[in-house]
């Protein structure tokens, strides 16, 4: 059994589909703060299996302990997604981010030790690199002071996991992934933010659908070719497969404890303006946008060197930017048609 925290969320749901498709029994823990319980129906439609689900606040130690009393003795691994994840929001609400993201991880680690669950895959982020001096970044690229409280929580969580692995029987992998986009080919699951989207692509698709008046590009005066920020946009299906490969690696290791880190990206940087133009190529729809001021916490450019993940995890990104944007639009249209 694999416990997946945040499993009804965007990346979590796609990872659950990959896990179930490869024979894993999945139990999802989520408080539905940024997702809908109907995602369970979609996972069942895609895989033919409905994961067991617990509605629980993972940053509440008492609630989490009660759930682990029911399932902890059967679990062999945990994949931990559940966290607040918006860079801009974290700048405005730092205490909420530190409390949620750190407490939830430490609560999970306490329960893993209590029930002797040996394997942990952690959802980290390229934000731990801050503004790197050189791109692409490797796992050996020094972490810099984070540009946002969100990024800082990911650095702190990595340190907590590393120190815990040294102190007890824990095998753990942190996946530093870049900017997830896209949706499952079935268009039954995708990125479904509650309220106004904080991430770029759902704002693009909602603008294309007429839900948002226009997209704001935060700054066009960065030191890049077209003046907009550069990111490494990784398809969420590829990302789900990376979690599967990380879990397989942990399960096959015979050592008592270990900790490792992997970049999960495409290895290619694309600008925000390039993404907007590629969306038009992929869908035929031009996005209405304006340029606004820079956003607090944003960096100029970051993209991945994925050599380590390619060789050690036997994983490689297979889907590109156009495929990611086309699948995101298909998902948006399918979701809106159901709501109509």
C-alpha atoms as a PDB file:
ATOM      1  CA  UNK A   1       0.000   0.000   0.000  1.00  0.00           C
ATOM      2  CA  UNK A   2       1.129   3.527  -0.836  1.00  0.00           C
ATOM      3  CA  UNK A   3      -0.240   6.485   1.122  1.00  0.00           C
ATOM      4  CA  UNK A   4      -0.493   9.560  -1.118  1.00  0.00           C
ATOM      5  CA  UNK A   5      -1.028  12.852   0.692  1.00  0.00           C
ATOM      6  CA  UNK A   6      -2.636  15.505  -1.475  1.00  0.00           C
ATOM      7  CA  UNK A   7      -3.702  12.737  -3.824  1.00  0.00           C
ATOM      8  CA  UNK A   8      -6.790  14.525  -5.146  1.00  0.00           C
ATOM      9  CA  UNK A   9      -4.650  17.493  -6.188  1.00  0.00           C
ATOM     10  CA  UNK A  10      -3.173  18.168  -9.595  1.00  0.00           C
ATOM     11  CA  UNK A  11       0.107  16.254  -9.458  1.00  0.00           C
ATOM     12  CA  UNK A  12      -1.147  13.828  -6.837  1.00  0.00           C
ATOM     13  CA  UNK A  13      -4.089  12.615  -8.926  1.00  0.00           C
ATOM     14  CA  UNK A  14      -1.916  11.990 -11.994  1.00  0.00           C
ATOM     15  CA  UNK A  15       0.594  10.113  -9.853  1.00  0.00           C
ATOM     16  CA  UNK A  16      -2.202   7.989  -8.367  1.00  0.00           C
ATOM     17  CA  UNK A  17      -3.263   7.016 -11.899  1.00  0.00           C
ATOM     18  CA  UNK A  18       0.305   5.888 -12.674  1.00  0.00           C
ATOM     19  CA  UNK A  19       0.568   3.959  -9.402  1.00  0.00           C
ATOM     20  CA  UNK A  20      -2.750   2.156  -9.816  1.00  0.00           C
ATOM     21  CA  UNK A  21      -1.922   1.387 -13.442  1.00  0.00           C
ATOM     22  CA  UNK A  22       1.241  -0.325 -12.230  1.00  0.00           C
ATOM     23  CA  UNK A  23      -0.434  -2.503  -9.633  1.00  0.00           C
ATOM     24  CA  UNK A  24      -0.125  -0.399  -6.464  1.00  0.00           C
ATOM     25  CA  UNK A  25      -2.854  -0.138  -3.849  1.00  0.00           C
ATOM     26  CA  UNK A  26      -3.328   3.581  -3.200  1.00  0.00           C
ATOM     27  CA  UNK A  27      -4.802   5.378  -0.185  1.00  0.00           C
ATOM     28  CA  UNK A  28      -5.331   9.120  -0.546  1.00  0.00           C
ATOM     29  CA  UNK A  29      -5.178  11.621   2.324  1.00  0.00           C
ATOM     30  CA  UNK A  30      -6.407  15.122   1.446  1.00  0.00           C
ATOM     31  CA  UNK A  31      -8.404  17.946   3.032  1.00  0.00           C
ATOM     32  CA  UNK A  32      -9.784  19.103  -0.352  1.00  0.00           C
ATOM     33  CA  UNK A  33      -8.573  22.665   0.283  1.00  0.00           C
ATOM     34  CA  UNK A  34      -7.452  22.981  -3.344  1.00  0.00           C
ATOM     35  CA  UNK A  35      -9.236  20.084  -5.034  1.00  0.00           C
ATOM     36  CA  UNK A  36     -12.596  18.351  -5.326  1.00  0.00           C
ATOM     37  CA  UNK A  37     -13.705  14.936  -4.121  1.00  0.00           C
ATOM     38  CA  UNK A  38     -15.039  14.261  -7.630  1.00  0.00           C
ATOM     39  CA  UNK A  39     -11.408  13.648  -8.637  1.00  0.00           C
ATOM     40  CA  UNK A  40     -11.834  10.218  -7.028  1.00  0.00           C
ATOM     41  CA  UNK A  41     -14.576   9.470  -9.574  1.00  0.00           C
ATOM     42  CA  UNK A  42     -12.232  10.488 -12.396  1.00  0.00           C
ATOM     43  CA  UNK A  43      -9.390   8.327 -11.106  1.00  0.00           C
ATOM     44  CA  UNK A  44     -11.819   5.403 -10.952  1.00  0.00           C
ATOM     45  CA  UNK A  45     -13.039   6.091 -14.498  1.00  0.00           C
ATOM     46  CA  UNK A  46      -9.473   6.071 -15.826  1.00  0.00           C
ATOM     47  CA  UNK A  47      -8.089   3.111 -13.865  1.00  0.00           C
ATOM     48  CA  UNK A  48     -11.128   1.026 -12.958  1.00  0.00           C
ATOM     49  CA  UNK A  49     -10.114   1.295  -9.288  1.00  0.00           C
ATOM     50  CA  UNK A  50     -11.352   3.741  -6.672  1.00  0.00           C
ATOM     51  CA  UNK A  51      -8.664   4.623  -4.133  1.00  0.00           C
ATOM     52  CA  UNK A  52      -9.525   4.564  -0.455  1.00  0.00           C
ATOM     53  CA  UNK A  53      -9.877   8.168   0.704  1.00  0.00           C
ATOM     54  CA  UNK A  54      -9.603  10.008   4.028  1.00  0.00           C
ATOM     55  CA  UNK A  55     -10.555  13.669   4.372  1.00  0.00           C
ATOM     56  CA  UNK A  56      -7.925  14.815   6.881  1.00  0.00           C
ATOM     57  CA  UNK A  57      -5.862  17.875   7.714  1.00  0.00           C
ATOM     58  CA  UNK A  58      -2.338  16.508   7.622  1.00  0.00           C
ATOM     59  CA  UNK A  59      -0.982  19.456   9.596  1.00  0.00           C
ATOM     60  CA  UNK A  60      -3.265  18.357  12.444  1.00  0.00           C
ATOM     61  CA  UNK A  61      -1.249  15.699  14.295  1.00  0.00           C
ATOM     62  CA  UNK A  62      -4.268  14.269  16.144  1.00  0.00           C
ATOM     63  CA  UNK A  63      -6.342  13.846  12.982  1.00  0.00           C
ATOM     64  CA  UNK A  64      -3.441  12.277  11.112  1.00  0.00           C
ATOM     65  CA  UNK A  65      -2.606   9.856  13.926  1.00  0.00           C
ATOM     66  CA  UNK A  66      -6.220   8.627  13.946  1.00  0.00           C
ATOM     67  CA  UNK A  67      -6.037   7.860  10.221  1.00  0.00           C
ATOM     68  CA  UNK A  68      -2.702   6.079  10.550  1.00  0.00           C
ATOM     69  CA  UNK A  69      -4.194   3.894  13.286  1.00  0.00           C
ATOM     70  CA  UNK A  70      -6.454   2.526  10.553  1.00  0.00           C
ATOM     71  CA  UNK A  71      -3.967   2.186   7.676  1.00  0.00           C
ATOM     72  CA  UNK A  72      -0.419   2.645   8.958  1.00  0.00           C
ATOM     73  CA  UNK A  73       0.367  -1.011   9.606  1.00  0.00           C
ATOM     74  CA  UNK A  74      -0.486  -1.906   5.978  1.00  0.00           C
ATOM     75  CA  UNK A  75       1.544   0.837   4.313  1.00  0.00           C
ATOM     76  CA  UNK A  76       5.001   0.359   2.829  1.00  0.00           C
ATOM     77  CA  UNK A  77       5.517   3.827   1.342  1.00  0.00           C
ATOM     78  CA  UNK A  78       4.346   7.432   1.459  1.00  0.00           C
ATOM     79  CA  UNK A  79       4.331  10.006  -1.334  1.00  0.00           C
ATOM     80  CA  UNK A  80       3.924  13.432   0.236  1.00  0.00           C
ATOM     81  CA  UNK A  81       2.389  16.139  -1.959  1.00  0.00           C
ATOM     82  CA  UNK A  82       0.092  17.943   0.466  1.00  0.00           C
ATOM     83  CA  UNK A  83       1.283  21.529   0.869  1.00  0.00           C
ATOM     84  CA  UNK A  84       0.439  25.106   0.092  1.00  0.00           C
ATOM     85  CA  UNK A  85       2.140  25.905  -3.210  1.00  0.00           C
ATOM     86  CA  UNK A  86       1.638  29.447  -4.548  1.00  0.00           C
ATOM     87  CA  UNK A  87       4.767  31.619  -4.634  1.00  0.00           C
ATOM     88  CA  UNK A  88       2.942  34.951  -4.630  1.00  0.00           C
ATOM     89  CA  UNK A  89       0.508  33.945  -1.914  1.00  0.00           C
ATOM     90  CA  UNK A  90       3.374  32.744   0.283  1.00  0.00           C
ATOM     91  CA  UNK A  91       4.954  36.217   0.176  1.00  0.00           C
ATOM     92  CA  UNK A  92       1.694  37.660   1.533  1.00  0.00           C
ATOM     93  CA  UNK A  93       0.947  34.839   3.998  1.00  0.00           C
ATOM     94  CA  UNK A  94       4.316  33.472   5.177  1.00  0.00           C
ATOM     95  CA  UNK A  95       3.142  32.093   8.522  1.00  0.00           C
ATOM     96  CA  UNK A  96       0.379  30.053   6.881  1.00  0.00           C
ATOM     97  CA  UNK A  97       2.971  28.491   4.567  1.00  0.00           C
ATOM     98  CA  UNK A  98       5.497  27.699   7.291  1.00  0.00           C
ATOM     99  CA  UNK A  99       2.834  26.249   9.584  1.00  0.00           C
ATOM    100  CA  UNK A 100       1.172  24.106   6.915  1.00  0.00           C
ATOM    101  CA  UNK A 101       4.159  22.888   4.931  1.00  0.00           C
ATOM    102  CA  UNK A 102       6.494  22.142   7.844  1.00  0.00           C
ATOM    103  CA  UNK A 103       3.948  20.734  10.288  1.00  0.00           C
ATOM    104  CA  UNK A 104       2.418  18.423   7.692  1.00  0.00           C
ATOM    105  CA  UNK A 105       5.796  16.908   6.814  1.00  0.00           C
ATOM    106  CA  UNK A 106       6.865  16.447  10.428  1.00  0.00           C
ATOM    107  CA  UNK A 107       3.523  14.851  11.292  1.00  0.00           C
ATOM    108  CA  UNK A 108       3.958  12.414   8.403  1.00  0.00           C
ATOM    109  CA  UNK A 109       7.500  11.532   9.510  1.00  0.00           C
ATOM    110  CA  UNK A 110       6.320  10.883  13.076  1.00  0.00           C
ATOM    111  CA  UNK A 111       3.656   8.461  11.826  1.00  0.00           C
ATOM    112  CA  UNK A 112       6.086   6.773   9.442  1.00  0.00           C
ATOM    113  CA  UNK A 113       8.436   6.091  12.341  1.00  0.00           C
ATOM    114  CA  UNK A 114       5.590   4.918  14.584  1.00  0.00           C
ATOM    115  CA  UNK A 115       4.444   2.348  12.004  1.00  0.00           C
ATOM    116  CA  UNK A 116       7.911   1.590  10.597  1.00  0.00           C
ATOM    117  CA  UNK A 117       7.046   2.711   7.056  1.00  0.00           C
ATOM    118  CA  UNK A 118      10.423   2.806   5.281  1.00  0.00           C
ATOM    119  CA  UNK A 119       9.947   4.722   2.008  1.00  0.00           C
ATOM    120  CA  UNK A 120       9.171   8.393   1.364  1.00  0.00           C
ATOM    121  CA  UNK A 121       8.981  10.331  -1.908  1.00  0.00           C
ATOM    122  CA  UNK A 122       8.791  14.062  -1.239  1.00  0.00           C
ATOM    123  CA  UNK A 123       7.390  16.756  -3.504  1.00  0.00           C
ATOM    124  CA  UNK A 124      10.140  19.367  -3.585  1.00  0.00           C
ATOM    125  CA  UNK A 125      10.699  22.188  -6.032  1.00  0.00           C
ATOM    126  CA  UNK A 126      13.221  23.969  -8.226  1.00  0.00           C
ATOM    127  CA  UNK A 127      12.497  27.060  -6.105  1.00  0.00           C
ATOM    128  CA  UNK A 128      15.193  25.775  -3.711  1.00  0.00           C
ATOM    129  CA  UNK A 129      17.776  26.988  -6.240  1.00  0.00           C
ATOM    130  CA  UNK A 130      16.607  30.587  -5.930  1.00  0.00           C
ATOM    131  CA  UNK A 131      18.006  32.607  -8.818  1.00  0.00           C
ATOM    132  CA  UNK A 132      20.819  30.333 -10.064  1.00  0.00           C
ATOM    133  CA  UNK A 133      23.960  31.857 -11.544  1.00  0.00           C
ATOM    134  CA  UNK A 134      24.122  29.196 -14.265  1.00  0.00           C
ATOM    135  CA  UNK A 135      21.441  27.209 -16.093  1.00  0.00           C
ATOM    136  CA  UNK A 136      20.691  24.387 -16.444  1.00  0.00           C
ATOM    137  CA  UNK A 137      20.896  23.554 -12.757  1.00  0.00           C
ATOM    138  CA  UNK A 138      22.121  20.170 -11.540  1.00  0.00           C
ATOM    139  CA  UNK A 139      21.459  18.564  -8.180  1.00  0.00           C
ATOM    140  CA  UNK A 140      24.931  19.803  -7.178  1.00  0.00           C
ATOM    141  CA  UNK A 141      23.995  23.430  -7.904  1.00  0.00           C
ATOM    142  CA  UNK A 142      24.096  25.192  -4.531  1.00  0.00           C
ATOM    143  CA  UNK A 143      20.781  26.058  -3.031  1.00  0.00           C
ATOM    144  CA  UNK A 144      20.414  29.797  -2.601  1.00  0.00           C
ATOM    145  CA  UNK A 145      18.349  31.871  -0.247  1.00  0.00           C
ATOM    146  CA  UNK A 146      14.812  31.341  -1.444  1.00  0.00           C
ATOM    147  CA  UNK A 147      12.986  34.159  -3.181  1.00  0.00           C
ATOM    148  CA  UNK A 148       9.728  33.261  -1.415  1.00  0.00           C
ATOM    149  CA  UNK A 149       8.504  31.638   1.810  1.00  0.00           C
ATOM    150  CA  UNK A 150       7.130  28.795  -0.349  1.00  0.00           C
ATOM    151  CA  UNK A 151      10.594  28.070  -1.713  1.00  0.00           C
ATOM    152  CA  UNK A 152      12.063  28.331   1.763  1.00  0.00           C
ATOM    153  CA  UNK A 153       9.632  25.739   3.115  1.00  0.00           C
ATOM    154  CA  UNK A 154      10.811  23.304   0.432  1.00  0.00           C
ATOM    155  CA  UNK A 155      14.471  23.838   1.416  1.00  0.00           C
ATOM    156  CA  UNK A 156      13.620  23.386   5.072  1.00  0.00           C
ATOM    157  CA  UNK A 157      11.586  20.255   4.354  1.00  0.00           C
ATOM    158  CA  UNK A 158      14.487  18.750   2.412  1.00  0.00           C
ATOM    159  CA  UNK A 159      16.756  19.355   5.410  1.00  0.00           C
ATOM    160  CA  UNK A 160      14.236  17.819   7.801  1.00  0.00           C
ATOM    161  CA  UNK A 161      13.994  14.682   5.650  1.00  0.00           C
ATOM    162  CA  UNK A 162      17.785  14.417   5.260  1.00  0.00           C
ATOM    163  CA  UNK A 163      18.343  14.687   9.022  1.00  0.00           C
ATOM    164  CA  UNK A 164      15.534  12.225   9.782  1.00  0.00           C
ATOM    165  CA  UNK A 165      16.962   9.673   7.334  1.00  0.00           C
ATOM    166  CA  UNK A 166      20.286   9.899   9.163  1.00  0.00           C
ATOM    167  CA  UNK A 167      18.629   9.313  12.525  1.00  0.00           C
ATOM    168  CA  UNK A 168      16.209   6.472  11.768  1.00  0.00           C
ATOM    169  CA  UNK A 169      15.313   3.778   9.251  1.00  0.00           C
ATOM    170  CA  UNK A 170      14.079   5.951   6.418  1.00  0.00           C
ATOM    171  CA  UNK A 171      14.769   5.806   2.695  1.00  0.00           C
ATOM    172  CA  UNK A 172      13.723   9.030   1.060  1.00  0.00           C
ATOM    173  CA  UNK A 173      13.883  10.824  -2.287  1.00  0.00           C
ATOM    174  CA  UNK A 174      13.113  14.486  -2.882  1.00  0.00           C
ATOM    175  CA  UNK A 175      12.016  15.274  -6.417  1.00  0.00           C
ATOM    176  CA  UNK A 176      12.827  18.861  -7.306  1.00  0.00           C
ATOM    177  CA  UNK A 177      10.414  19.447 -10.089  1.00  0.00           C
ATOM    178  CA  UNK A 178      10.096  22.419 -12.274  1.00  0.00           C
ATOM    179  CA  UNK A 179       6.816  23.845 -13.681  1.00  0.00           C
ATOM    180  CA  UNK A 180       4.099  21.211 -14.153  1.00  0.00           C
ATOM    181  CA  UNK A 181       1.633  21.677 -16.995  1.00  0.00           C
ATOM    182  CA  UNK A 182      -0.742  19.497 -18.987  1.00  0.00           C
ATOM    183  CA  UNK A 183      -3.414  16.959 -18.175  1.00  0.00           C
ATOM    184  CA  UNK A 184      -4.165  13.263 -18.595  1.00  0.00           C
ATOM    185  CA  UNK A 185      -4.910  12.257 -22.186  1.00  0.00           C
ATOM    186  CA  UNK A 186      -8.436  11.241 -21.161  1.00  0.00           C
ATOM    187  CA  UNK A 187      -9.151  14.868 -20.142  1.00  0.00           C
ATOM    188  CA  UNK A 188     -10.766  13.432 -16.988  1.00  0.00           C
ATOM    189  CA  UNK A 189      -8.180  14.917 -14.598  1.00  0.00           C
ATOM    190  CA  UNK A 190      -6.127  18.081 -14.859  1.00  0.00           C
ATOM    191  CA  UNK A 191      -5.188  21.223 -12.976  1.00  0.00           C
ATOM    192  CA  UNK A 192      -8.264  22.442 -11.110  1.00  0.00           C
ATOM    193  CA  UNK A 193      -7.381  25.410  -8.885  1.00  0.00           C
ATOM    194  CA  UNK A 194      -9.931  26.685  -6.416  1.00  0.00           C
ATOM    195  CA  UNK A 195     -10.727  30.326  -7.135  1.00  0.00           C
ATOM    196  CA  UNK A 196      -8.414  32.510  -9.197  1.00  0.00           C
ATOM    197  CA  UNK A 197      -5.482  30.427 -10.525  1.00  0.00           C
ATOM    198  CA  UNK A 198      -2.012  31.124  -9.146  1.00  0.00           C
ATOM    199  CA  UNK A 199      -0.287  29.110 -11.862  1.00  0.00           C
ATOM    200  CA  UNK A 200       0.226  30.256 -15.429  1.00  0.00           C
ATOM    201  CA  UNK A 201      -1.364  27.531 -17.554  1.00  0.00           C
ATOM    202  CA  UNK A 202      -4.781  27.302 -15.849  1.00  0.00           C
ATOM    203  CA  UNK A 203      -4.985  31.089 -16.107  1.00  0.00           C
ATOM    204  CA  UNK A 204      -4.204  30.759 -19.824  1.00  0.00           C
ATOM    205  CA  UNK A 205      -6.879  28.104 -20.367  1.00  0.00           C
ATOM    206  CA  UNK A 206      -9.457  29.997 -18.304  1.00  0.00           C
ATOM    207  CA  UNK A 207      -8.733  33.112 -20.349  1.00  0.00           C
ATOM    208  CA  UNK A 208      -9.154  31.096 -23.550  1.00  0.00           C
ATOM    209  CA  UNK A 209     -12.464  29.800 -22.180  1.00  0.00           C
ATOM    210  CA  UNK A 210     -13.677  33.329 -21.433  1.00  0.00           C
ATOM    211  CA  UNK A 211     -13.715  32.854 -17.663  1.00  0.00           C
ATOM    212  CA  UNK A 212     -10.924  35.400 -17.195  1.00  0.00           C
ATOM    213  CA  UNK A 213     -10.882  38.678 -19.103  1.00  0.00           C
ATOM    214  CA  UNK A 214      -7.162  38.604 -19.812  1.00  0.00           C
ATOM    215  CA  UNK A 215      -3.871  37.111 -18.733  1.00  0.00           C
ATOM    216  CA  UNK A 216      -1.347  39.312 -16.961  1.00  0.00           C
ATOM    217  CA  UNK A 217       2.299  38.589 -17.778  1.00  0.00           C
ATOM    218  CA  UNK A 218       4.263  39.704 -14.733  1.00  0.00           C
ATOM    219  CA  UNK A 219       7.101  41.729 -16.201  1.00  0.00           C
ATOM    220  CA  UNK A 220       8.651  41.978 -19.660  1.00  0.00           C
ATOM    221  CA  UNK A 221      11.902  43.621 -18.577  1.00  0.00           C
ATOM    222  CA  UNK A 222      13.804  40.549 -17.405  1.00  0.00           C
ATOM    223  CA  UNK A 223      17.227  39.781 -18.839  1.00  0.00           C
ATOM    224  CA  UNK A 224      15.914  37.210 -21.315  1.00  0.00           C
ATOM    225  CA  UNK A 225      15.470  37.166 -25.079  1.00  0.00           C
ATOM    226  CA  UNK A 226      11.889  38.447 -25.008  1.00  0.00           C
ATOM    227  CA  UNK A 227      11.969  40.027 -21.546  1.00  0.00           C
ATOM    228  CA  UNK A 228       9.700  37.476 -19.860  1.00  0.00           C
ATOM    229  CA  UNK A 229      10.656  34.847 -17.275  1.00  0.00           C
ATOM    230  CA  UNK A 230      12.013  31.473 -18.411  1.00  0.00           C
ATOM    231  CA  UNK A 231      10.836  28.217 -16.865  1.00  0.00           C
ATOM    232  CA  UNK A 232      11.111  24.486 -17.524  1.00  0.00           C
ATOM    233  CA  UNK A 233       7.553  23.281 -18.229  1.00  0.00           C
ATOM    234  CA  UNK A 234       7.223  19.567 -17.421  1.00  0.00           C
ATOM    235  CA  UNK A 235       4.150  17.559 -18.446  1.00  0.00           C
ATOM    236  CA  UNK A 236       2.284  16.299 -15.384  1.00  0.00           C
ATOM    237  CA  UNK A 237       2.006  12.771 -16.834  1.00  0.00           C
ATOM    238  CA  UNK A 238       5.799  12.609 -17.123  1.00  0.00           C
ATOM    239  CA  UNK A 239       5.969  13.934 -13.576  1.00  0.00           C
ATOM    240  CA  UNK A 240       3.649  11.206 -12.314  1.00  0.00           C
ATOM    241  CA  UNK A 241       5.883   8.599 -13.950  1.00  0.00           C
ATOM    242  CA  UNK A 242       8.904  10.114 -12.194  1.00  0.00           C
ATOM    243  CA  UNK A 243       7.248   9.482  -8.822  1.00  0.00           C
ATOM    244  CA  UNK A 244       6.602   5.885  -9.852  1.00  0.00           C
ATOM    245  CA  UNK A 245      10.274   5.418 -10.756  1.00  0.00           C
ATOM    246  CA  UNK A 246      11.434   7.059  -7.517  1.00  0.00           C
ATOM    247  CA  UNK A 247       9.211   4.724  -5.504  1.00  0.00           C
ATOM    248  CA  UNK A 248      10.539   1.700  -7.367  1.00  0.00           C
ATOM    249  CA  UNK A 249      14.095   2.762  -6.598  1.00  0.00           C
ATOM    250  CA  UNK A 250      13.373   3.075  -2.882  1.00  0.00           C
ATOM    251  CA  UNK A 251      11.601  -0.280  -2.759  1.00  0.00           C
ATOM    252  CA  UNK A 252      14.503  -2.112  -4.376  1.00  0.00           C
ATOM    253  CA  UNK A 253      17.222  -0.607  -2.175  1.00  0.00           C
ATOM    254  CA  UNK A 254      18.459  -2.946   0.526  1.00  0.00           C
ATOM    255  CA  UNK A 255      20.242  -0.380   2.698  1.00  0.00           C
ATOM    256  CA  UNK A 256      18.586   0.675   5.946  1.00  0.00           C
ATOM    257  CA  UNK A 257      18.405   4.401   5.324  1.00  0.00           C
ATOM    258  CA  UNK A 258      19.294   6.822   2.567  1.00  0.00           C
ATOM    259  CA  UNK A 259      18.423  10.185   1.087  1.00  0.00           C
ATOM    260  CA  UNK A 260      18.727  11.398  -2.486  1.00  0.00           C
ATOM    261  CA  UNK A 261      17.578  14.281  -4.675  1.00  0.00           C
ATOM    262  CA  UNK A 262      16.586  14.407  -8.354  1.00  0.00           C
ATOM    263  CA  UNK A 263      15.685  17.209 -10.746  1.00  0.00           C
ATOM    264  CA  UNK A 264      12.525  16.467 -12.710  1.00  0.00           C
ATOM    265  CA  UNK A 265      12.150  18.673 -15.780  1.00  0.00           C
ATOM    266  CA  UNK A 266      12.571  18.650 -19.541  1.00  0.00           C
ATOM    267  CA  UNK A 267      16.003  20.274 -19.644  1.00  0.00           C
ATOM    268  CA  UNK A 268      14.627  23.065 -21.845  1.00  0.00           C
ATOM    269  CA  UNK A 269      13.735  26.579 -20.785  1.00  0.00           C
ATOM    270  CA  UNK A 270      10.748  28.338 -22.348  1.00  0.00           C
ATOM    271  CA  UNK A 271       9.666  31.930 -21.736  1.00  0.00           C
ATOM    272  CA  UNK A 272       6.200  32.950 -20.610  1.00  0.00           C
ATOM    273  CA  UNK A 273       5.630  34.705 -23.924  1.00  0.00           C
ATOM    274  CA  UNK A 274       6.790  31.602 -25.795  1.00  0.00           C
ATOM    275  CA  UNK A 275       4.241  29.560 -23.855  1.00  0.00           C
ATOM    276  CA  UNK A 276       1.442  31.976 -24.781  1.00  0.00           C
ATOM    277  CA  UNK A 277       2.429  31.793 -28.457  1.00  0.00           C
ATOM    278  CA  UNK A 278       2.729  27.995 -28.330  1.00  0.00           C
ATOM    279  CA  UNK A 279      -0.783  27.782 -26.872  1.00  0.00           C
ATOM    280  CA  UNK A 280      -2.070  29.498 -30.020  1.00  0.00           C
ATOM    281  CA  UNK A 281      -0.124  27.042 -32.200  1.00  0.00           C
ATOM    282  CA  UNK A 282      -1.501  24.077 -30.247  1.00  0.00           C
ATOM    283  CA  UNK A 283      -5.136  25.187 -30.067  1.00  0.00           C
ATOM    284  CA  UNK A 284      -5.651  27.935 -32.646  1.00  0.00           C
ATOM    285  CA  UNK A 285      -6.746  30.336 -29.882  1.00  0.00           C
ATOM    286  CA  UNK A 286      -4.957  33.640 -29.298  1.00  0.00           C
ATOM    287  CA  UNK A 287      -4.800  34.665 -25.639  1.00  0.00           C
ATOM    288  CA  UNK A 288      -5.773  38.183 -24.639  1.00  0.00           C
ATOM    289  CA  UNK A 289      -2.957  39.390 -22.401  1.00  0.00           C
ATOM    290  CA  UNK A 290      -1.378  42.484 -20.914  1.00  0.00           C
ATOM    291  CA  UNK A 291       1.986  43.111 -19.303  1.00  0.00           C
ATOM    292  CA  UNK A 292       1.968  44.029 -15.628  1.00  0.00           C
ATOM    293  CA  UNK A 293       4.673  44.732 -13.054  1.00  0.00           C
ATOM    294  CA  UNK A 294       6.979  42.009 -11.812  1.00  0.00           C
ATOM    295  CA  UNK A 295       5.560  39.700  -9.152  1.00  0.00           C
ATOM    296  CA  UNK A 296       7.247  39.321  -5.768  1.00  0.00           C
ATOM    297  CA  UNK A 297       9.130  36.044  -5.458  1.00  0.00           C
ATOM    298  CA  UNK A 298       9.616  35.436  -9.192  1.00  0.00           C
ATOM    299  CA  UNK A 299      13.096  34.751 -10.563  1.00  0.00           C
ATOM    300  CA  UNK A 300      14.431  35.453 -14.045  1.00  0.00           C
ATOM    301  CA  UNK A 301      15.183  31.952 -15.301  1.00  0.00           C
ATOM    302  CA  UNK A 302      15.592  28.369 -14.187  1.00  0.00           C
ATOM    303  CA  UNK A 303      15.622  25.067 -16.052  1.00  0.00           C
ATOM    304  CA  UNK A 304      16.905  21.603 -15.279  1.00  0.00           C
ATOM    305  CA  UNK A 305      19.778  19.325 -16.035  1.00  0.00           C
ATOM    306  CA  UNK A 306      18.027  15.948 -15.788  1.00  0.00           C
ATOM    307  CA  UNK A 307      21.025  13.667 -16.394  1.00  0.00           C
ATOM    308  CA  UNK A 308      20.855  12.146 -12.920  1.00  0.00           C
ATOM    309  CA  UNK A 309      17.157  11.282 -13.167  1.00  0.00           C
ATOM    310  CA  UNK A 310      17.686   9.922 -16.692  1.00  0.00           C
ATOM    311  CA  UNK A 311      20.441   7.558 -15.575  1.00  0.00           C
ATOM    312  CA  UNK A 312      19.689   6.665 -11.943  1.00  0.00           C
ATOM    313  CA  UNK A 313      15.861   6.602 -12.056  1.00  0.00           C
ATOM    314  CA  UNK A 314      15.680   5.440 -15.674  1.00  0.00           C
ATOM    315  CA  UNK A 315      13.250   8.286 -16.299  1.00  0.00           C
ATOM    316  CA  UNK A 316      13.060  10.884 -19.046  1.00  0.00           C
ATOM    317  CA  UNK A 317      10.488  13.491 -20.038  1.00  0.00           C
ATOM    318  CA  UNK A 318       8.688  12.350 -23.190  1.00  0.00           C
ATOM    319  CA  UNK A 319       6.016  15.037 -23.708  1.00  0.00           C
ATOM    320  CA  UNK A 320       6.707  18.583 -24.890  1.00  0.00           C
ATOM    321  CA  UNK A 321       5.292  22.060 -24.390  1.00  0.00           C
ATOM    322  CA  UNK A 322       2.761  21.894 -27.220  1.00  0.00           C
ATOM    323  CA  UNK A 323       1.426  18.527 -26.037  1.00  0.00           C
ATOM    324  CA  UNK A 324       1.140  19.869 -22.504  1.00  0.00           C
ATOM    325  CA  UNK A 325      -0.802  22.951 -23.567  1.00  0.00           C
ATOM    326  CA  UNK A 326      -3.095  21.039 -25.918  1.00  0.00           C
ATOM    327  CA  UNK A 327      -3.960  18.531 -23.175  1.00  0.00           C
ATOM    328  CA  UNK A 328      -4.551  21.383 -20.699  1.00  0.00           C
ATOM    329  CA  UNK A 329      -7.018  22.961 -23.112  1.00  0.00           C
ATOM    330  CA  UNK A 330      -8.776  19.627 -23.717  1.00  0.00           C
ATOM    331  CA  UNK A 331      -9.116  19.203 -19.960  1.00  0.00           C
ATOM    332  CA  UNK A 332     -10.472  22.744 -19.510  1.00  0.00           C
ATOM    333  CA  UNK A 333     -13.082  22.220 -22.233  1.00  0.00           C
ATOM    334  CA  UNK A 334     -14.134  18.833 -20.836  1.00  0.00           C
ATOM    335  CA  UNK A 335     -14.422  20.162 -17.297  1.00  0.00           C
ATOM    336  CA  UNK A 336     -16.472  23.205 -18.356  1.00  0.00           C
ATOM    337  CA  UNK A 337     -18.796  21.081 -20.491  1.00  0.00           C
ATOM    338  CA  UNK A 338     -19.617  18.959 -17.444  1.00  0.00           C
ATOM    339  CA  UNK A 339     -20.351  22.083 -15.403  1.00  0.00           C
ATOM    340  CA  UNK A 340     -22.581  23.605 -18.094  1.00  0.00           C
END
